[in-house]
């Protein structure tokens, strides 16, 4: 009887391990995948516009806005555009290509 119980427990432990590993492998089941880009957009065109905004000095404005600083309407428009483009770039998974 003791031997049978040990065998059953080993079997249950093995089944539990398999279930846990299967659950880990299924961790990406809720991943929606890459978001589609708008017509006419490419990862390269978005990256080019982000680079243009960087050269324009938008990064310090983004930092200021993230700390709650008031910005001019033009600066806020640049920040909003930067965030919009960055969300598209990351959502489309351009950074992993």
C-alpha atoms as a PDB file:
ATOM      1  CA  UNK A   1       0.000   0.000   0.000  1.00  0.00           C
ATOM      2  CA  UNK A   2       2.823   2.431   0.909  1.00  0.00           C
ATOM      3  CA  UNK A   3       4.532   1.725  -2.373  1.00  0.00           C
ATOM      4  CA  UNK A   4       1.336   2.377  -4.306  1.00  0.00           C
ATOM      5  CA  UNK A   5       0.793   5.692  -2.480  1.00  0.00           C
ATOM      6  CA  UNK A   6       4.347   6.777  -3.294  1.00  0.00           C
ATOM      7  CA  UNK A   7       3.809   5.907  -6.943  1.00  0.00           C
ATOM      8  CA  UNK A   8       0.554   7.873  -7.005  1.00  0.00           C
ATOM      9  CA  UNK A   9       2.218  10.900  -5.380  1.00  0.00           C
ATOM     10  CA  UNK A  10       5.094  10.788  -7.863  1.00  0.00           C
ATOM     11  CA  UNK A  11       2.575  10.619 -10.699  1.00  0.00           C
ATOM     12  CA  UNK A  12       0.662  13.599  -9.302  1.00  0.00           C
ATOM     13  CA  UNK A  13       3.878  15.572  -8.885  1.00  0.00           C
ATOM     14  CA  UNK A  14       4.867  14.837 -12.474  1.00  0.00           C
ATOM     15  CA  UNK A  15       1.401  15.841 -13.709  1.00  0.00           C
ATOM     16  CA  UNK A  16       1.566  19.080 -11.722  1.00  0.00           C
ATOM     17  CA  UNK A  17       4.981  19.883 -13.200  1.00  0.00           C
ATOM     18  CA  UNK A  18       3.683  19.305 -16.715  1.00  0.00           C
ATOM     19  CA  UNK A  19       0.667  21.525 -16.023  1.00  0.00           C
ATOM     20  CA  UNK A  20       2.868  24.324 -14.709  1.00  0.00           C
ATOM     21  CA  UNK A  21       5.184  24.133 -17.709  1.00  0.00           C
ATOM     22  CA  UNK A  22       2.230  24.089 -20.090  1.00  0.00           C
ATOM     23  CA  UNK A  23       0.860  27.167 -18.364  1.00  0.00           C
ATOM     24  CA  UNK A  24       4.175  28.959 -18.795  1.00  0.00           C
ATOM     25  CA  UNK A  25       4.316  28.072 -22.465  1.00  0.00           C
ATOM     26  CA  UNK A  26       0.791  29.393 -22.837  1.00  0.00           C
ATOM     27  CA  UNK A  27       1.774  32.714 -21.234  1.00  0.00           C
ATOM     28  CA  UNK A  28       1.655  34.491 -24.586  1.00  0.00           C
ATOM     29  CA  UNK A  29      -1.885  33.301 -25.307  1.00  0.00           C
ATOM     30  CA  UNK A  30      -3.197  36.766 -24.414  1.00  0.00           C
ATOM     31  CA  UNK A  31      -0.639  38.612 -26.517  1.00  0.00           C
ATOM     32  CA  UNK A  32      -2.577  40.461 -29.216  1.00  0.00           C
ATOM     33  CA  UNK A  33       0.473  40.639 -31.474  1.00  0.00           C
ATOM     34  CA  UNK A  34       1.794  43.622 -33.357  1.00  0.00           C
ATOM     35  CA  UNK A  35      -0.628  46.448 -34.033  1.00  0.00           C
ATOM     36  CA  UNK A  36      -1.096  47.337 -37.703  1.00  0.00           C
ATOM     37  CA  UNK A  37       0.300  50.633 -38.942  1.00  0.00           C
ATOM     38  CA  UNK A  38      -1.835  53.239 -40.671  1.00  0.00           C
ATOM     39  CA  UNK A  39      -1.882  53.259 -44.453  1.00  0.00           C
ATOM     40  CA  UNK A  40       1.315  54.709 -45.853  1.00  0.00           C
ATOM     41  CA  UNK A  41       3.249  54.328 -42.624  1.00  0.00           C
ATOM     42  CA  UNK A  42       6.249  52.096 -42.118  1.00  0.00           C
ATOM     43  CA  UNK A  43       8.508  51.465 -39.170  1.00  0.00           C
ATOM     44  CA  UNK A  44      11.137  53.480 -41.016  1.00  0.00           C
ATOM     45  CA  UNK A  45       8.885  56.485 -41.603  1.00  0.00           C
ATOM     46  CA  UNK A  46       7.848  56.563 -37.944  1.00  0.00           C
ATOM     47  CA  UNK A  47      11.485  56.232 -36.816  1.00  0.00           C
ATOM     48  CA  UNK A  48      12.447  59.080 -39.174  1.00  0.00           C
ATOM     49  CA  UNK A  49       9.803  61.382 -37.685  1.00  0.00           C
ATOM     50  CA  UNK A  50      10.834  60.446 -34.141  1.00  0.00           C
ATOM     51  CA  UNK A  51      14.440  61.256 -35.079  1.00  0.00           C
ATOM     52  CA  UNK A  52      13.327  64.588 -36.541  1.00  0.00           C
ATOM     53  CA  UNK A  53      11.517  65.445 -33.306  1.00  0.00           C
ATOM     54  CA  UNK A  54      14.622  64.417 -31.338  1.00  0.00           C
ATOM     55  CA  UNK A  55      16.794  66.764 -33.423  1.00  0.00           C
ATOM     56  CA  UNK A  56      14.221  69.502 -32.835  1.00  0.00           C
ATOM     57  CA  UNK A  57      14.782  69.150 -29.073  1.00  0.00           C
ATOM     58  CA  UNK A  58      11.576  67.355 -28.144  1.00  0.00           C
ATOM     59  CA  UNK A  59      13.127  64.949 -25.614  1.00  0.00           C
ATOM     60  CA  UNK A  60      13.643  67.606 -22.909  1.00  0.00           C
ATOM     61  CA  UNK A  61      10.080  68.779 -23.528  1.00  0.00           C
ATOM     62  CA  UNK A  62       8.816  65.206 -23.105  1.00  0.00           C
ATOM     63  CA  UNK A  63      10.762  64.982 -19.846  1.00  0.00           C
ATOM     64  CA  UNK A  64       9.364  68.309 -18.651  1.00  0.00           C
ATOM     65  CA  UNK A  65       5.817  67.284 -19.527  1.00  0.00           C
ATOM     66  CA  UNK A  66       6.254  63.989 -17.676  1.00  0.00           C
ATOM     67  CA  UNK A  67       7.153  66.023 -14.570  1.00  0.00           C
ATOM     68  CA  UNK A  68       4.018  68.165 -14.894  1.00  0.00           C
ATOM     69  CA  UNK A  69       5.656  71.294 -16.266  1.00  0.00           C
ATOM     70  CA  UNK A  70       3.532  73.685 -18.305  1.00  0.00           C
ATOM     71  CA  UNK A  71       4.535  73.871 -21.958  1.00  0.00           C
ATOM     72  CA  UNK A  72       3.660  76.229 -24.760  1.00  0.00           C
ATOM     73  CA  UNK A  73       0.985  75.030 -27.162  1.00  0.00           C
ATOM     74  CA  UNK A  74       3.624  74.332 -29.837  1.00  0.00           C
ATOM     75  CA  UNK A  75       5.847  72.400 -27.414  1.00  0.00           C
ATOM     76  CA  UNK A  76       2.865  70.411 -26.138  1.00  0.00           C
ATOM     77  CA  UNK A  77       1.908  69.584 -29.732  1.00  0.00           C
ATOM     78  CA  UNK A  78       5.432  68.219 -30.315  1.00  0.00           C
ATOM     79  CA  UNK A  79       5.218  66.157 -27.113  1.00  0.00           C
ATOM     80  CA  UNK A  80       1.802  64.807 -28.074  1.00  0.00           C
ATOM     81  CA  UNK A  81       3.075  63.873 -31.545  1.00  0.00           C
ATOM     82  CA  UNK A  82       6.145  62.221 -30.042  1.00  0.00           C
ATOM     83  CA  UNK A  83       4.010  60.096 -27.707  1.00  0.00           C
ATOM     84  CA  UNK A  84       1.639  59.201 -30.547  1.00  0.00           C
ATOM     85  CA  UNK A  85       4.486  58.090 -32.801  1.00  0.00           C
ATOM     86  CA  UNK A  86       6.250  56.234 -30.018  1.00  0.00           C
ATOM     87  CA  UNK A  87       3.056  54.321 -29.197  1.00  0.00           C
ATOM     88  CA  UNK A  88       2.668  53.365 -32.858  1.00  0.00           C
ATOM     89  CA  UNK A  89       6.337  52.369 -33.131  1.00  0.00           C
ATOM     90  CA  UNK A  90       6.231  50.185 -30.030  1.00  0.00           C
ATOM     91  CA  UNK A  91       2.745  48.826 -30.712  1.00  0.00           C
ATOM     92  CA  UNK A  92       3.766  47.696 -34.186  1.00  0.00           C
ATOM     93  CA  UNK A  93       6.867  46.153 -32.606  1.00  0.00           C
ATOM     94  CA  UNK A  94       9.164  48.070 -34.877  1.00  0.00           C
ATOM     95  CA  UNK A  95      11.790  48.021 -32.120  1.00  0.00           C
ATOM     96  CA  UNK A  96      12.176  44.237 -32.361  1.00  0.00           C
ATOM     97  CA  UNK A  97      12.546  43.942 -36.119  1.00  0.00           C
END
